[in-house]
Amino acid sequence: MTGKILIVDSVATNRIVLKVKLSAAFYQVLQAGTAQEAARIAAREQPDIILSGALPDADFPDLLHRLRRLPGIAMPPVVALLSQPDPALRILRLRQGATDVITKPVPEALLLARLRSQLRHAPRDADLGLQPAMAQALGLAEAPVGYAPPGRIAVMASTAAGAAGAHLMRLARRGAGHVIATQIARPRDLADLPRKPQLVLLAIGPEPDTPGLAMLAELRSAPGTRQARVIVMIDHADAPRAAQLLDVGAHDVVGADTPPEEIDLRIQAQLHLQQAEDTLRDQLQSGLAAAMTDPLTGLYNRRYALSQLERMIGGLPGPSGGFAVIAADLDHFKAVNDNYGHAAGDLVLTRVAGLLRGALRPGDVLARMGGEEFLMLLPGCSRAAARDLAARLCRVLRETPITIPGATAPVHVTISLGVTLAEPQANAPKPTVEGLLGQADRALYGSKSDGRDTVTFAHRPAA
């Protein structure tokens, strides 16, 4: 099966004709004759796309409302089916929330291409393996509708497109988007723009326009535009090559004879979908950053530090030799919490994190392991360099007073360090994460026993 499609239409003949076409294309086809039945089937079967014609018990907005209220499922794309050409009704359906509008009869190749495009480009939480409730709990659900900044639109045209490129430019300028590029002829030129476009409007001339097809293919693969949505304008939206353009990667195809108001709505719909994808991408990146970051100090957390240590061990012997591991612990930190409160303790930890980060080299890994404990991984670091760096860390903390709001005097903190080295040695097994951490911890305990505010090296390099 290539997907699950629910046909909603009060006329059984219409459902049967569509089912025959879609089943031959290996879709699993479901049928409903009323909005009530459609909602029940959608809740149970969770279709990938819904095709909706006329219904006896609901108008189109009511059907959408019922589908959005279904608990536990993501809203699939809903394509409105019209029985006759009616430009005003097409515009109305798009305004009401239809993902696309198809007027019957439609060439089978174009129908299947439009469905493939909808299925391919529809943003779905399911693609991430997330149930809607889980996505919302993780902060990955679509944000409530509110103010959306103008979308960034670029306009392109092949040399054969003629006046179509100028027509697209006029449409782009009258819409809600911000046109960031005037008509250009090479996708690679978009890479020089200060901000990448979210939507590209591409005008392609009459057949044969091989350069126009090549431009579309390049847009869908170039780093600057492969995440952008693309609307292609050709002479007629139902021309046979519209199916080819959709399969090559266009998100939508419009005709030069399409009413400007309909094109405006299609532009707005694609911008909305792209902005939703951008938001989801940003949320995923923020979630990934949070998964490896300590929320208090902004340093890496224990999980990330251990994974990096394992990676560095796997890279031995590295191009710069071995690496150093430093376990660190603030001295008498409990007294800070007892004397000034835990809020002050958090402030001290945050300030210490900044001091340590500023004293380390670019490329060094600094993580908070928990409480007042820190771990530093120093790639390409010799014993002498590790000694100098550790001594500098002690000195920086010792000599930097930390101001606490409400305290009569600044707080002075010191730190104890334990250092071990992972150095490649002939015929010796590679060190382990547990072995390196154990050696660094034992060296740290030695610093604590020797009076604190000092550095102790492991008795022998770990190898």
Protein backbone atom coordinates (compact mmCIF):
# COMPACT_ATOMS: atom_id res chain seq x y z
CA MET A 1 0.00 0.00 0.00
CA THR A 2 1.21 3.50 -0.83
CA GLY A 3 -1.17 5.27 1.55
CA LYS A 4 -4.61 5.30 3.10
CA ILE A 5 -7.24 7.57 1.51
CA LEU A 6 -10.73 8.30 2.82
CA ILE A 7 -13.31 9.31 0.18
CA VAL A 8 -16.21 11.30 1.65
CA ASP A 9 -19.10 11.82 -0.75
CA SER A 10 -22.85 11.41 -0.54
CA VAL A 11 -23.00 9.96 -4.08
CA ALA A 12 -22.02 6.29 -4.07
CA THR A 13 -21.14 6.35 -7.79
CA ASN A 14 -18.59 9.10 -7.21
CA ARG A 15 -16.98 7.08 -4.42
CA ILE A 16 -16.86 3.92 -6.50
CA VAL A 17 -15.26 5.63 -9.53
CA LEU A 18 -12.57 7.18 -7.35
CA LYS A 19 -12.00 3.95 -5.48
CA VAL A 20 -11.34 2.07 -8.70
CA LYS A 21 -8.72 4.63 -9.79
CA LEU A 22 -7.03 4.83 -6.42
CA SER A 23 -7.07 1.10 -5.75
CA ALA A 24 -5.38 0.52 -9.10
CA ALA A 25 -2.60 2.86 -7.84
CA PHE A 26 -2.27 0.62 -4.74
CA TYR A 27 -3.90 2.99 -2.26
CA GLN A 28 -5.99 1.57 0.54
CA VAL A 29 -9.36 3.23 0.01
CA LEU A 30 -11.97 3.93 2.69
CA GLN A 31 -15.44 5.32 2.00
CA ALA A 32 -17.96 7.44 3.88
CA GLY A 33 -21.30 8.87 2.76
CA THR A 34 -21.78 11.37 5.61
CA ALA A 35 -19.65 13.65 7.77
CA GLN A 36 -20.60 11.64 10.84
CA GLU A 37 -19.43 8.42 9.22
CA ALA A 38 -16.27 10.14 7.97
CA ALA A 39 -15.35 11.30 11.48
CA ARG A 40 -15.91 7.81 12.87
CA ILE A 41 -13.76 6.17 10.17
CA ALA A 42 -11.05 8.83 10.46
CA ALA A 43 -10.82 8.31 14.22
CA ARG A 44 -10.47 4.55 13.78
CA GLU A 45 -8.35 4.30 10.62
CA GLN A 46 -6.36 7.58 10.69
CA PRO A 47 -6.20 8.10 6.90
CA ASP A 48 -3.25 9.84 5.28
CA ILE A 49 -5.49 12.08 3.16
CA ILE A 50 -9.22 12.81 2.80
CA LEU A 51 -11.08 13.59 -0.44
CA SER A 52 -14.35 15.40 0.24
CA GLY A 53 -17.26 15.98 -2.10
CA ALA A 54 -20.83 17.07 -1.25
CA LEU A 55 -22.36 15.79 2.01
CA PRO A 56 -25.98 15.59 3.20
CA ASP A 57 -25.33 16.30 6.90
CA ALA A 58 -22.58 18.94 6.87
CA ASP A 59 -20.98 21.62 4.79
CA PHE A 60 -17.24 21.67 4.16
CA PRO A 61 -16.26 23.86 7.16
CA ASP A 62 -18.32 21.64 9.47
CA LEU A 63 -16.52 18.54 8.19
CA LEU A 64 -13.16 20.16 8.90
CA HIS A 65 -14.34 21.17 12.36
CA ARG A 66 -15.39 17.60 13.17
CA LEU A 67 -12.08 16.21 11.97
CA ARG A 68 -10.03 18.71 14.00
CA ARG A 69 -11.95 17.77 17.15
CA LEU A 70 -11.03 14.09 16.89
CA PRO A 71 -8.83 13.24 19.89
CA GLY A 72 -5.47 11.57 19.47
CA ILE A 73 -4.99 11.90 15.70
CA ALA A 74 -3.17 14.40 13.52
CA MET A 75 -5.26 16.38 11.05
CA PRO A 76 -4.65 14.91 7.57
CA PRO A 77 -4.72 16.97 4.35
CA VAL A 78 -8.30 17.45 3.14
CA VAL A 79 -8.80 17.92 -0.61
CA ALA A 80 -12.13 19.38 -1.77
CA LEU A 81 -13.71 17.77 -4.83
CA LEU A 82 -15.94 19.91 -7.07
CA SER A 83 -18.35 18.46 -9.61
CA GLN A 84 -18.07 21.37 -12.06
CA PRO A 85 -15.76 24.33 -12.79
CA ASP A 86 -16.61 27.17 -10.43
CA PRO A 87 -13.79 29.66 -9.75
CA ALA A 88 -15.70 31.32 -6.91
CA LEU A 89 -16.32 27.98 -5.17
CA ARG A 90 -12.68 26.95 -5.60
CA ILE A 91 -11.61 30.16 -3.86
CA LEU A 92 -14.21 29.64 -1.13
CA ARG A 93 -13.00 26.10 -0.39
CA LEU A 94 -9.39 27.29 -0.14
CA ARG A 95 -10.49 30.06 2.22
CA GLN A 96 -12.37 27.52 4.32
CA GLY A 97 -9.25 25.43 4.79
CA ALA A 98 -9.03 22.92 1.95
CA THR A 99 -5.48 21.74 1.35
CA ASP A 100 -6.24 21.59 -2.38
CA VAL A 101 -9.25 21.81 -4.68
CA ILE A 102 -9.75 19.43 -7.59
CA THR A 103 -12.49 19.87 -10.19
CA LYS A 104 -13.91 16.74 -11.79
CA PRO A 105 -13.36 15.32 -14.28
CA VAL A 106 -9.61 15.44 -13.71
CA PRO A 107 -7.03 13.46 -15.70
CA GLU A 108 -6.09 10.38 -13.70
CA ALA A 109 -2.36 11.10 -13.99
CA LEU A 110 -2.82 14.61 -12.58
CA LEU A 111 -5.11 13.39 -9.80
CA LEU A 112 -2.56 10.80 -8.66
CA ALA A 113 0.29 13.30 -8.95
CA ARG A 114 -1.55 15.82 -6.76
CA LEU A 115 -2.26 13.15 -4.18
CA ARG A 116 1.36 12.00 -4.21
CA SER A 117 2.47 15.59 -3.72
CA GLN A 118 0.10 16.10 -0.81
CA LEU A 119 1.25 12.90 0.87
CA ARG A 120 4.91 13.63 0.24
CA HIS A 121 4.90 17.20 1.51
CA ALA A 122 2.29 17.09 4.27
CA PRO A 123 3.96 17.84 7.63
CA ARG A 124 3.13 14.90 9.86
CA ASP A 125 4.08 14.23 13.46
CA ALA A 126 3.80 10.56 12.55
CA ASP A 127 6.90 10.91 10.38
CA LEU A 128 8.82 11.57 13.61
CA GLY A 129 7.24 8.60 15.36
CA LEU A 130 5.31 10.95 17.65
CA GLN A 131 1.71 10.59 18.67
CA PRO A 132 -0.12 13.96 18.81
CA ALA A 133 -0.31 13.92 22.62
CA MET A 134 3.40 13.16 22.85
CA ALA A 135 4.26 15.89 20.36
CA GLN A 136 2.28 18.42 22.40
CA ALA A 137 3.90 17.29 25.65
CA LEU A 138 7.35 17.73 24.13
CA GLY A 139 6.48 21.17 22.79
CA LEU A 140 6.52 19.96 19.17
CA ALA A 141 2.86 20.45 18.36
CA GLU A 142 1.90 23.25 16.05
CA ALA A 143 1.70 26.56 17.87
CA PRO A 144 -1.66 28.31 18.25
CA VAL A 145 -2.64 30.52 15.38
CA GLY A 146 -1.46 34.08 15.99
CA TYR A 147 0.65 36.73 14.36
CA ALA A 148 2.88 35.28 11.67
CA PRO A 149 5.64 37.39 10.13
CA PRO A 150 5.52 37.89 6.36
CA GLY A 151 6.92 34.94 4.50
CA ARG A 152 10.08 35.25 2.44
CA ILE A 153 9.35 34.78 -1.27
CA ALA A 154 11.72 34.56 -4.22
CA VAL A 155 10.51 34.76 -7.83
CA MET A 156 12.21 32.95 -10.70
CA ALA A 157 11.44 32.41 -14.36
CA SER A 158 12.98 30.43 -17.15
CA THR A 159 13.92 32.34 -20.28
CA ALA A 160 10.98 30.70 -22.08
CA ALA A 161 8.43 31.81 -19.50
CA GLY A 162 7.93 35.22 -21.09
CA ALA A 163 5.42 37.40 -19.30
CA ALA A 164 4.61 34.71 -16.74
CA GLY A 165 7.59 35.72 -14.61
CA ALA A 166 6.43 39.33 -14.44
CA HIS A 167 2.92 38.11 -13.63
CA LEU A 168 4.26 36.06 -10.71
CA MET A 169 6.22 39.06 -9.48
CA ARG A 170 3.08 41.17 -9.39
CA LEU A 171 1.23 38.43 -7.50
CA ALA A 172 4.08 38.06 -5.01
CA ARG A 173 4.22 41.78 -4.30
CA ARG A 174 0.49 42.07 -3.65
CA GLY A 175 0.38 39.21 -1.15
CA ALA A 176 1.30 38.93 2.52
CA GLY A 177 4.81 37.72 1.80
CA HIS A 178 8.02 39.72 1.72
CA VAL A 179 9.67 39.44 -1.71
CA ILE A 180 13.37 39.05 -0.96
CA ALA A 181 14.55 38.47 -4.52
CA THR A 182 13.43 39.93 -7.78
CA GLN A 183 13.14 37.79 -10.86
CA ILE A 184 16.30 35.72 -11.24
CA ALA A 185 17.20 32.97 -13.64
CA ARG A 186 19.60 30.71 -11.72
CA PRO A 187 18.81 28.81 -8.50
CA ARG A 188 22.42 29.14 -7.38
CA ASP A 189 21.95 32.92 -7.13
CA LEU A 190 19.57 32.33 -4.22
CA ALA A 191 22.51 31.10 -2.13
CA ASP A 192 23.86 34.69 -2.04
CA LEU A 193 20.71 36.07 -0.40
CA PRO A 194 21.10 37.19 3.24
CA ARG A 195 18.05 35.10 4.22
CA LYS A 196 16.89 31.94 2.51
CA PRO A 197 13.44 32.03 0.88
CA GLN A 198 10.62 30.02 2.38
CA LEU A 199 8.72 29.94 -0.91
CA VAL A 200 9.94 30.09 -4.49
CA LEU A 201 7.56 31.06 -7.29
CA LEU A 202 8.83 29.59 -10.55
CA ALA A 203 7.42 30.39 -13.98
CA ILE A 204 8.05 27.79 -16.69
CA GLY A 205 7.35 28.39 -20.35
CA PRO A 206 5.44 26.23 -22.84
CA GLU A 207 6.68 22.80 -23.77
CA PRO A 208 9.39 21.93 -24.40
CA ASP A 209 11.06 24.00 -21.64
CA THR A 210 13.87 21.71 -20.53
CA PRO A 211 15.76 24.53 -18.73
CA GLY A 212 12.65 25.24 -16.67
CA LEU A 213 12.43 21.62 -15.53
CA ALA A 214 16.14 21.67 -14.71
CA MET A 215 15.59 24.80 -12.60
CA LEU A 216 12.89 23.01 -10.60
CA ALA A 217 15.11 19.99 -10.04
CA GLU A 218 17.97 22.24 -8.91
CA LEU A 219 15.69 24.16 -6.54
CA ARG A 220 14.66 20.92 -4.85
CA SER A 221 18.29 19.87 -4.32
CA ALA A 222 20.28 23.08 -3.77
CA PRO A 223 21.21 23.72 -0.09
CA GLY A 224 19.70 27.20 -0.13
CA THR A 225 16.27 26.11 -1.38
CA ARG A 226 15.75 22.39 -0.78
CA GLN A 227 13.73 23.15 2.35
CA ALA A 228 11.70 25.88 0.64
CA ARG A 229 8.32 25.27 -0.94
CA VAL A 230 7.94 25.73 -4.68
CA ILE A 231 4.88 26.82 -6.65
CA VAL A 232 5.24 26.46 -10.42
CA MET A 233 3.25 28.50 -12.91
CA ILE A 234 2.58 27.04 -16.35
CA ASP A 235 0.10 27.90 -19.09
CA HIS A 236 -2.75 25.75 -17.68
CA ALA A 237 -2.87 24.10 -14.23
CA ASP A 238 -4.47 20.97 -15.70
CA ALA A 239 -1.98 20.61 -18.55
CA PRO A 240 -0.53 17.07 -18.87
CA ARG A 241 2.92 18.17 -17.71
CA ALA A 242 1.53 19.46 -14.39
CA ALA A 243 1.73 15.86 -13.15
CA GLN A 244 5.40 15.70 -14.15
CA LEU A 245 6.17 18.95 -12.32
CA LEU A 246 4.48 17.73 -9.15
CA ASP A 247 6.41 14.46 -9.27
CA VAL A 248 9.71 16.27 -9.86
CA GLY A 249 9.15 18.14 -6.61
CA ALA A 250 6.78 21.10 -7.03
CA HIS A 251 4.54 21.61 -4.02
CA ASP A 252 1.81 23.14 -6.17
CA VAL A 253 1.17 23.97 -9.83
CA VAL A 254 -0.98 26.88 -10.97
CA GLY A 255 -1.97 28.09 -14.41
CA ALA A 256 -1.28 31.52 -15.80
CA ASP A 257 -5.05 31.75 -16.29
CA THR A 258 -5.78 30.96 -12.62
CA PRO A 259 -7.57 33.84 -10.87
CA PRO A 260 -5.11 35.98 -8.87
CA GLU A 261 -7.19 35.55 -5.72
CA GLU A 262 -6.83 31.77 -5.90
CA ILE A 263 -3.07 32.06 -6.45
CA ASP A 264 -2.88 34.40 -3.45
CA LEU A 265 -4.58 31.78 -1.28
CA ARG A 266 -2.29 29.04 -2.53
CA ILE A 267 0.75 31.21 -1.80
CA GLN A 268 -0.52 31.91 1.71
CA ALA A 269 -1.22 28.21 2.31
CA GLN A 270 2.27 27.16 1.24
CA LEU A 271 3.85 29.90 3.37
CA HIS A 272 1.81 28.76 6.37
CA LEU A 273 2.90 25.14 5.89
CA GLN A 274 6.54 26.15 5.43
CA GLN A 275 6.49 28.34 8.54
CA ALA A 276 4.97 25.45 10.49
CA GLU A 277 7.79 23.19 9.27
CA ASP A 278 10.38 25.83 10.19
CA THR A 279 8.87 26.11 13.66
CA LEU A 280 8.91 22.33 14.09
CA ARG A 281 12.51 22.19 12.90
CA ASP A 282 13.52 24.91 15.35
CA GLN A 283 11.69 23.13 18.17
CA LEU A 284 13.44 19.87 17.33
CA GLN A 285 16.81 21.59 17.37
CA SER A 286 15.97 23.25 20.68
CA GLY A 287 14.83 19.90 22.05
CA LEU A 288 18.05 18.23 20.95
CA ALA A 289 20.07 21.04 22.53
CA ALA A 290 18.09 20.68 25.75
CA ALA A 291 18.72 16.94 25.77
CA MET A 292 22.46 17.52 25.99
CA THR A 293 22.54 20.78 28.00
CA ASP A 294 22.44 21.47 31.72
CA PRO A 295 19.47 23.86 32.19
CA LEU A 296 21.08 25.86 35.02
CA THR A 297 24.54 26.59 33.69
CA GLY A 298 24.10 26.12 29.95
CA LEU A 299 27.02 23.68 29.94
CA TYR A 300 26.85 20.23 28.44
CA ASN A 301 25.25 17.64 30.70
CA ARG A 302 26.52 14.27 31.94
CA ARG A 303 24.94 12.29 29.09
CA TYR A 304 26.62 14.37 26.41
CA ALA A 305 29.98 14.40 28.20
CA LEU A 306 30.07 10.62 28.51
CA SER A 307 29.12 10.16 24.85
CA GLN A 308 31.91 12.56 23.83
CA LEU A 309 34.39 10.76 26.06
CA GLU A 310 33.47 7.46 24.44
CA ARG A 311 33.87 9.02 20.99
CA MET A 312 37.30 10.42 21.89
CA ILE A 313 38.40 7.01 23.15
CA GLY A 314 37.26 5.46 19.89
CA GLY A 315 39.38 7.99 17.99
CA LEU A 316 42.65 7.02 19.71
CA PRO A 317 45.30 7.51 18.58
CA GLY A 318 44.11 10.88 17.29
CA PRO A 319 45.96 13.21 14.91
CA SER A 320 47.19 15.22 17.91
CA GLY A 321 47.93 12.29 20.16
CA GLY A 322 45.86 11.65 23.27
CA PHE A 323 43.62 13.79 25.41
CA ALA A 324 43.22 14.84 29.02
CA VAL A 325 40.29 14.28 31.36
CA ILE A 326 39.77 16.65 34.30
CA ALA A 327 37.30 16.00 37.10
CA ALA A 328 36.53 19.15 39.09
CA ASP A 329 34.61 19.87 42.28
CA LEU A 330 33.96 23.19 44.03
CA ASP A 331 35.40 23.36 47.55
CA HIS A 332 33.08 23.81 50.52
CA PHE A 333 30.14 24.56 48.24
CA LYS A 334 27.66 23.37 50.88
CA ALA A 335 28.64 26.37 52.97
CA VAL A 336 27.49 28.70 50.17
CA ASN A 337 24.04 27.11 50.15
CA ASP A 338 23.86 27.06 53.95
CA ASN A 339 24.96 30.68 54.41
CA TYR A 340 23.30 32.37 51.45
CA GLY A 341 20.55 30.02 50.25
CA HIS A 342 20.15 27.75 47.24
CA ALA A 343 19.32 30.63 44.88
CA ALA A 344 22.72 32.11 45.69
CA GLY A 345 24.27 28.69 45.19
CA ASP A 346 22.74 28.49 41.73
CA LEU A 347 24.11 31.93 40.93
CA VAL A 348 27.59 30.84 42.03
CA LEU A 349 27.40 27.68 39.89
CA THR A 350 26.37 29.73 36.87
CA ARG A 351 29.20 32.20 37.42
CA VAL A 352 31.73 29.41 37.91
CA ALA A 353 30.56 27.76 34.70
CA GLY A 354 31.26 31.00 32.83
CA LEU A 355 34.72 31.34 34.37
CA LEU A 356 35.66 27.76 33.49
CA ARG A 357 34.34 28.12 29.96
CA GLY A 358 36.32 31.30 29.45
CA ALA A 359 39.56 29.68 30.63
CA LEU A 360 39.32 26.62 28.37
CA ARG A 361 40.44 26.37 24.76
CA PRO A 362 38.13 26.32 21.74
CA GLY A 363 37.18 22.69 21.15
CA ASP A 364 37.44 21.63 24.79
CA VAL A 365 34.34 20.02 26.28
CA LEU A 366 33.02 21.36 29.60
CA ALA A 367 30.09 19.62 31.30
CA ARG A 368 28.29 19.81 34.60
CA MET A 369 28.08 16.27 35.95
CA GLY A 370 25.73 17.12 38.80
CA GLY A 371 25.70 19.34 41.86
CA GLU A 372 29.00 21.23 41.99
CA GLU A 373 30.90 18.63 39.93
CA PHE A 374 32.28 19.36 36.47
CA LEU A 375 34.10 17.36 33.80
CA MET A 376 36.50 18.69 31.17
CA LEU A 377 37.70 16.81 28.09
CA LEU A 378 40.75 18.34 26.44
CA PRO A 379 41.60 16.87 23.02
CA GLY A 380 45.21 16.95 21.82
CA CYS A 381 46.43 17.96 25.27
CA SER A 382 49.84 16.90 26.62
CA ARG A 383 50.67 16.39 30.29
CA ALA A 384 52.44 19.75 30.48
CA ALA A 385 49.58 21.58 28.76
CA ALA A 386 47.04 19.91 31.05
CA ARG A 387 49.07 20.92 34.11
CA ASP A 388 49.25 24.55 32.97
CA LEU A 389 45.56 24.70 32.10
CA ALA A 390 44.48 23.10 35.39
CA ALA A 391 46.64 25.52 37.37
CA ARG A 392 45.10 28.42 35.46
CA LEU A 393 41.57 27.18 36.29
CA CYS A 394 42.40 27.09 39.99
CA ARG A 395 43.91 30.56 39.83
CA VAL A 396 41.00 32.10 37.91
CA LEU A 397 38.43 30.88 40.43
CA ARG A 398 40.60 31.75 43.41
CA GLU A 399 41.17 35.31 42.21
CA THR A 400 37.65 36.09 41.00
CA PRO A 401 35.17 37.17 43.69
CA ILE A 402 31.51 36.46 42.99
CA THR A 403 28.94 39.05 44.01
CA ILE A 404 25.73 37.77 45.56
CA PRO A 405 22.76 40.15 45.78
CA GLY A 406 22.06 41.04 49.39
CA ALA A 407 25.41 39.77 50.70
CA THR A 408 27.66 42.21 52.54
CA ALA A 409 30.78 40.97 50.75
CA PRO A 410 31.62 38.97 47.61
CA VAL A 411 31.98 35.20 47.85
CA HIS A 412 35.32 33.57 47.12
CA VAL A 413 35.25 29.98 45.87
CA THR A 414 38.00 27.56 45.00
CA ILE A 415 38.07 24.36 43.01
CA SER A 416 39.89 21.05 43.25
CA LEU A 417 40.94 19.16 40.13
CA GLY A 418 41.89 15.60 39.28
CA VAL A 419 43.61 14.95 35.95
CA THR A 420 44.28 11.82 33.95
CA LEU A 421 45.63 11.36 30.44
CA ALA A 422 44.51 9.04 27.68
CA GLU A 423 47.62 8.51 25.58
CA PRO A 424 48.13 5.95 22.81
CA GLN A 425 50.59 3.24 23.78
CA ALA A 426 51.86 0.40 21.64
CA ASN A 427 50.33 -3.02 22.30
CA ALA A 428 48.11 -1.60 25.05
CA PRO A 429 44.32 -1.81 25.08
CA LYS A 430 42.35 1.36 24.72
CA PRO A 431 41.13 2.95 27.93
CA THR A 432 37.49 2.77 28.93
CA VAL A 433 35.06 5.47 30.01
CA GLU A 434 34.79 3.93 33.47
CA GLY A 435 38.56 3.61 33.78
CA LEU A 436 39.28 7.22 32.84
CA LEU A 437 36.54 8.61 35.07
CA GLY A 438 37.72 6.43 37.93
CA GLN A 439 41.31 7.66 37.61
CA ALA A 440 40.24 11.29 37.37
CA ASP A 441 37.96 10.89 40.42
CA ARG A 442 40.71 9.27 42.48
CA ALA A 443 43.05 12.11 41.54
CA LEU A 444 40.32 14.58 42.55
CA TYR A 445 40.00 12.90 45.93
CA GLY A 446 43.75 13.36 46.28
CA SER A 447 43.35 17.10 45.73
CA LYS A 448 40.62 17.20 48.38
CA SER A 449 42.85 15.31 50.81
CA ASP A 450 45.80 17.63 50.16
CA GLY A 451 43.88 20.71 51.26
CA ARG A 452 41.77 21.55 48.22
CA ASP A 453 42.32 24.38 45.68
CA THR A 454 44.93 22.26 43.97
CA VAL A 455 45.59 19.87 41.09
CA THR A 456 46.45 16.18 41.33
CA PHE A 457 47.41 13.91 38.45
CA ALA A 458 46.57 10.22 38.26
CA HIS A 459 49.58 8.08 39.14
CA ARG A 460 49.94 6.84 35.58
CA PRO A 461 48.36 7.68 32.23
CA ALA A 462 45.29 5.66 31.32
CA ALA A 463 45.89 3.54 28.21
